N, C-alpha and C. Protein backbone atom coordinates (compact mmCIF):
# COMPACT_ATOMS: atom_id res chain seq x y z
N MET A 1 1.09 -1.20 0.19
CA MET A 1 -0.04 -0.05 -0.02
C MET A 1 1.02 1.35 -0.01
N LEU A 2 0.46 2.45 -1.07
CA LEU A 2 1.04 3.01 -0.75
C LEU A 2 0.29 4.38 0.16
N GLY A 3 -0.37 4.55 0.63
CA GLY A 3 -1.22 5.66 1.04
C GLY A 3 -2.67 4.97 1.14
N PRO A 4 -3.70 5.99 1.91
CA PRO A 4 -4.57 5.36 1.89
C PRO A 4 -5.58 4.66 1.32
N SER A 5 -5.61 4.82 0.29
CA SER A 5 -6.76 4.60 -1.21
C SER A 5 -5.88 3.45 -2.47
N THR A 6 -4.61 4.26 -2.18
CA THR A 6 -3.34 3.08 -3.70
C THR A 6 -3.11 2.05 -3.63
N VAL A 7 -2.48 1.06 -3.66
CA VAL A 7 -1.61 0.11 -4.40
C VAL A 7 -0.83 -0.15 -5.63
N LEU A 8 0.24 -1.03 -5.13
CA LEU A 8 1.19 -0.94 -5.83
C LEU A 8 1.35 -2.17 -5.93
N THR A 9 1.42 -3.16 -7.29
CA THR A 9 1.71 -4.10 -7.42
C THR A 9 1.54 -4.69 -8.78
N CYS A 10 1.71 -6.38 -9.16
CA CYS A 10 2.33 -6.71 -10.40
C CYS A 10 1.71 -6.62 -11.04
N ALA A 11 1.34 -6.49 -12.26
CA ALA A 11 0.36 -6.54 -13.77
C ALA A 11 -0.54 -8.06 -13.55
N HIS A 12 0.76 -8.75 -13.94
CA HIS A 12 0.73 -10.11 -13.77
C HIS A 12 -0.34 -11.06 -12.61
N VAL A 13 -0.01 -10.34 -11.64
CA VAL A 13 -1.09 -10.90 -10.53
C VAL A 13 -2.17 -10.21 -10.81
N ILE A 14 -2.87 -8.57 -11.22
CA ILE A 14 -3.66 -8.81 -11.56
C ILE A 14 -4.89 -9.39 -12.67
N ASN A 15 -3.72 -10.05 -13.66
CA ASN A 15 -4.11 -10.44 -14.88
C ASN A 15 -4.15 -12.04 -14.36
N ASP A 16 -3.52 -12.58 -13.30
CA ASP A 16 -3.75 -14.23 -13.33
C ASP A 16 -5.27 -13.80 -11.78
N ALA A 17 -5.48 -12.89 -11.32
CA ALA A 17 -6.81 -12.66 -10.33
C ALA A 17 -8.14 -12.77 -11.29
N LEU A 18 -7.88 -12.33 -12.47
CA LEU A 18 -9.32 -12.16 -12.89
C LEU A 18 -9.24 -13.25 -14.28
N GLY A 19 -8.54 -13.82 -13.95
CA GLY A 19 -8.22 -15.33 -14.85
C GLY A 19 -7.70 -14.70 -16.78
N ARG A 20 -7.08 -14.24 -16.09
CA ARG A 20 -6.70 -13.14 -17.79
C ARG A 20 -5.03 -14.55 -17.58
N GLY A 21 -4.42 -14.31 -18.94
CA GLY A 21 -3.33 -14.90 -18.71
C GLY A 21 -2.36 -13.97 -18.09
N LYS A 22 -1.72 -14.33 -17.42
CA LYS A 22 -0.36 -13.82 -17.28
C LYS A 22 0.67 -12.43 -17.49
N ASP A 23 0.26 -12.96 -18.94
CA ASP A 23 1.62 -11.68 -19.55
C ASP A 23 0.51 -10.73 -21.02
N ALA A 24 -1.00 -11.06 -19.97
CA ALA A 24 -1.90 -10.07 -20.88
C ALA A 24 -1.58 -8.59 -20.89
N THR A 25 -1.84 -7.92 -21.83
CA THR A 25 -1.11 -6.69 -22.29
C THR A 25 -2.23 -5.83 -21.94
N ALA A 26 -3.65 -6.02 -22.34
CA ALA A 26 -4.68 -5.35 -22.79
C ALA A 26 -5.26 -4.18 -21.37
N LEU A 27 -5.06 -2.93 -20.50
CA LEU A 27 -5.84 -3.10 -19.69
C LEU A 27 -6.75 -3.37 -19.02
N PRO A 28 -6.71 -3.81 -17.95
CA PRO A 28 -8.70 -4.53 -17.54
C PRO A 28 -9.02 -3.49 -17.82
N ASP A 29 -10.35 -3.35 -17.50
CA ASP A 29 -11.60 -2.86 -17.14
C ASP A 29 -12.30 -3.27 -15.93
N ALA A 30 -12.28 -4.78 -15.15
CA ALA A 30 -13.42 -5.00 -14.37
C ALA A 30 -12.95 -4.72 -13.46
N LYS A 31 -13.91 -4.56 -11.47
CA LYS A 31 -13.56 -4.22 -10.96
C LYS A 31 -12.33 -4.98 -10.19
N ILE A 32 -11.58 -4.64 -9.10
CA ILE A 32 -10.53 -5.36 -8.87
C ILE A 32 -10.88 -5.69 -7.28
N ARG A 33 -10.87 -7.09 -7.47
CA ARG A 33 -11.36 -7.25 -5.75
C ARG A 33 -9.83 -7.63 -4.70
N LEU A 34 -9.73 -6.80 -3.88
CA LEU A 34 -8.42 -7.05 -2.78
C LEU A 34 -8.93 -7.30 -1.59
N ARG A 35 -7.88 -8.24 -0.92
CA ARG A 35 -8.69 -9.24 0.35
C ARG A 35 -7.49 -8.71 0.65
N VAL A 36 -7.71 -7.67 1.76
CA VAL A 36 -6.07 -7.24 3.10
C VAL A 36 -6.32 -8.01 3.84
N PRO A 37 -4.74 -8.31 4.62
CA PRO A 37 -5.17 -9.34 6.57
C PRO A 37 -4.79 -7.65 6.98
N VAL A 38 -5.64 -7.73 8.07
CA VAL A 38 -6.05 -6.58 9.32
C VAL A 38 -5.21 -6.87 10.17
N ARG A 39 -4.68 -5.86 11.34
CA ARG A 39 -4.36 -5.85 12.19
C ARG A 39 -4.96 -6.90 13.24
N SER A 40 -5.81 -6.88 13.60
CA SER A 40 -6.95 -6.78 14.65
C SER A 40 -6.96 -9.11 14.57
N GLY A 41 -6.34 -9.34 12.88
CA GLY A 41 -6.84 -11.00 12.34
C GLY A 41 -8.03 -10.34 11.44
N GLY A 42 -7.54 -11.68 10.55
CA GLY A 42 -8.55 -11.95 9.22
C GLY A 42 -8.26 -10.78 8.48
N THR A 43 -9.27 -10.93 7.17
CA THR A 43 -9.06 -9.77 6.64
C THR A 43 -10.68 -8.66 5.86
N LYS A 44 -10.60 -7.66 5.41
CA LYS A 44 -10.76 -7.17 5.00
C LYS A 44 -11.06 -6.89 3.24
N VAL A 45 -12.05 -6.75 2.36
CA VAL A 45 -12.43 -7.10 1.31
C VAL A 45 -12.61 -4.93 1.09
N PHE A 46 -12.02 -4.95 -0.25
CA PHE A 46 -12.17 -3.37 -0.65
C PHE A 46 -12.39 -3.69 -2.13
N HIS A 47 -12.73 -3.05 -2.83
CA HIS A 47 -12.40 -2.46 -4.53
C HIS A 47 -12.00 -1.93 -5.17
N GLY A 48 -11.51 -2.04 -6.00
CA GLY A 48 -10.02 -1.50 -6.72
C GLY A 48 -10.53 -0.97 -8.47
N GLN A 49 -9.93 -0.29 -9.07
CA GLN A 49 -9.35 -0.26 -10.40
C GLN A 49 -7.79 -0.03 -11.09
N ILE A 50 -7.46 0.07 -12.05
CA ILE A 50 -6.25 0.55 -12.17
C ILE A 50 -6.69 1.71 -12.40
N ALA A 51 -5.77 2.41 -11.76
CA ALA A 51 -5.82 4.08 -11.80
C ALA A 51 -5.07 4.26 -12.94
N GLU A 52 -5.08 6.02 -13.34
CA GLU A 52 -5.15 6.59 -14.38
C GLU A 52 -3.71 6.58 -15.27
N GLY A 53 -3.39 5.98 -16.06
CA GLY A 53 -1.85 5.55 -16.47
C GLY A 53 -0.70 4.52 -15.43
N GLY A 54 -1.78 3.62 -14.63
CA GLY A 54 -0.95 2.91 -14.43
C GLY A 54 -1.07 1.44 -14.58
N TRP A 55 -1.05 1.10 -15.75
CA TRP A 55 -0.83 -0.22 -15.94
C TRP A 55 -0.16 -0.52 -17.36
N VAL A 56 1.22 -1.23 -16.19
CA VAL A 56 2.28 -1.09 -17.42
C VAL A 56 2.65 -2.81 -17.00
N PRO A 57 2.09 -3.54 -18.34
CA PRO A 57 1.46 -4.88 -18.86
C PRO A 57 3.44 -5.85 -18.80
N PRO A 58 3.15 -6.83 -18.46
CA PRO A 58 4.26 -7.27 -18.45
C PRO A 58 5.20 -7.34 -19.28
N ALA A 59 5.44 -7.38 -20.62
CA ALA A 59 5.80 -7.52 -21.65
C ALA A 59 5.89 -5.83 -22.30
N ALA A 60 5.39 -5.02 -21.80
CA ALA A 60 5.36 -3.62 -22.73
C ALA A 60 6.79 -3.03 -21.29
N GLY A 61 7.35 -3.21 -20.25
CA GLY A 61 8.17 -2.14 -19.93
C GLY A 61 9.79 -1.22 -20.49
N PRO A 62 10.44 -1.87 -21.25
CA PRO A 62 11.65 -1.19 -21.82
C PRO A 62 10.75 -0.33 -22.85
N GLN A 63 10.01 -0.67 -23.96
CA GLN A 63 9.42 0.60 -25.01
C GLN A 63 8.75 2.06 -24.44
N PHE A 64 8.28 2.04 -22.86
CA PHE A 64 8.01 2.71 -22.10
C PHE A 64 8.87 3.12 -20.87
N GLY A 65 10.22 3.45 -21.15
CA GLY A 65 11.74 3.15 -20.00
C GLY A 65 11.07 3.77 -18.81
N VAL A 66 10.00 2.74 -18.22
CA VAL A 66 10.01 2.27 -17.24
C VAL A 66 10.09 0.84 -16.43
N ALA A 67 10.15 -0.03 -15.91
CA ALA A 67 10.24 -1.21 -15.22
C ALA A 67 8.90 -1.66 -15.87
N GLU A 68 9.17 -2.93 -16.21
CA GLU A 68 7.66 -3.64 -16.51
C GLU A 68 7.03 -4.20 -15.04
N ASP A 69 5.49 -4.65 -15.60
CA ASP A 69 5.19 -5.49 -14.76
C ASP A 69 4.70 -4.40 -13.72
N LEU A 70 4.00 -3.84 -13.55
CA LEU A 70 2.98 -2.61 -12.92
C LEU A 70 1.80 -2.62 -12.87
N ALA A 71 1.34 -2.20 -11.61
CA ALA A 71 -0.51 -2.14 -11.57
C ALA A 71 -0.56 -1.36 -10.42
N LEU A 72 -1.22 0.01 -10.85
CA LEU A 72 -1.33 1.33 -9.80
C LEU A 72 -3.01 1.40 -9.88
N LEU A 73 -3.00 0.35 -8.55
CA LEU A 73 -4.42 0.70 -8.69
C LEU A 73 -5.10 1.50 -7.16
N GLU A 74 -6.17 1.95 -7.40
CA GLU A 74 -7.07 2.91 -6.45
C GLU A 74 -8.07 2.61 -6.39
N LEU A 75 -8.30 2.36 -4.63
CA LEU A 75 -9.60 1.95 -3.97
C LEU A 75 -11.07 3.07 -4.65
N ILE A 76 -12.28 2.47 -5.30
CA ILE A 76 -13.43 3.14 -5.75
C ILE A 76 -14.23 3.21 -4.19
N ASP A 77 -15.35 3.73 -5.00
CA ASP A 77 -16.72 4.40 -3.96
C ASP A 77 -15.97 5.51 -2.85
N GLY A 78 -15.28 5.93 -2.92
CA GLY A 78 -14.46 6.63 -1.95
C GLY A 78 -13.66 5.55 -0.75
N GLU A 79 -14.23 4.39 -0.47
CA GLU A 79 -13.37 3.14 0.04
C GLU A 79 -11.28 4.21 0.91
N THR A 80 -11.10 3.85 1.76
CA THR A 80 -10.07 4.11 2.14
C THR A 80 -9.67 2.96 2.72
N PHE A 81 -8.47 2.77 3.43
CA PHE A 81 -7.62 1.71 4.03
C PHE A 81 -8.10 1.86 5.62
N PRO A 82 -8.43 1.01 6.21
CA PRO A 82 -8.56 1.94 7.51
C PRO A 82 -7.53 1.69 8.23
N LEU A 83 -6.86 2.55 9.66
CA LEU A 83 -5.65 2.51 10.16
C LEU A 83 -5.07 1.05 10.90
N GLY A 84 -5.36 0.00 10.74
CA GLY A 84 -4.95 -0.71 11.29
C GLY A 84 -4.56 -1.64 10.23
N ILE A 85 -4.27 -1.24 8.72
CA ILE A 85 -3.74 -1.56 7.61
C ILE A 85 -2.36 -0.79 7.88
N LYS A 86 -1.36 -0.79 7.57
CA LYS A 86 -0.37 -0.14 7.54
C LYS A 86 0.98 -0.02 6.11
N ALA A 87 0.65 0.61 5.94
CA ALA A 87 1.46 0.81 3.75
C ALA A 87 2.67 0.94 4.15
N HIS A 88 2.89 0.04 3.36
CA HIS A 88 4.44 -0.67 3.09
C HIS A 88 5.62 1.19 3.15
N ARG A 89 6.61 1.06 3.61
CA ARG A 89 7.28 2.27 3.57
C ARG A 89 8.77 1.90 2.76
N HIS A 90 8.92 2.60 1.83
CA HIS A 90 10.22 2.00 1.01
C HIS A 90 11.45 2.79 1.66
N ARG A 91 12.38 2.36 1.83
CA ARG A 91 13.35 2.71 2.31
C ARG A 91 14.86 2.04 1.26
N ARG A 92 15.56 2.56 1.09
CA ARG A 92 16.59 2.79 0.33
C ARG A 92 18.12 1.74 1.16
N SER A 93 18.36 0.53 -0.45
CA SER A 93 19.34 0.25 0.44
C SER A 93 20.78 1.00 0.22
N ARG A 94 21.55 0.43 1.55
CA ARG A 94 22.82 1.16 1.27
C ARG A 94 24.40 0.07 0.70
N SER A 95 24.30 0.82 -0.35
CA SER A 95 25.23 0.16 -0.48
C SER A 95 26.85 0.69 -0.35
């Protein structure tokens, strides 16, 4: 999770969840169901869609000049992740 209503995942994960071939390149237009674990135990279900410009399919990366196989999801219907779900914090590795 990147924020209160956004999630970054792999495009092939979305393809697989939607029953498409993992290497499908067409932008999915289906509502995507996200099952997320919460700190109190169990899971909560959210619904999202691919954000505008947030689809970089597995085979498309190099010609766009970005890493391939990315999907940025936005929650829909005004949903936000509750405080019991912790967003991922990015850390730079020191080499």
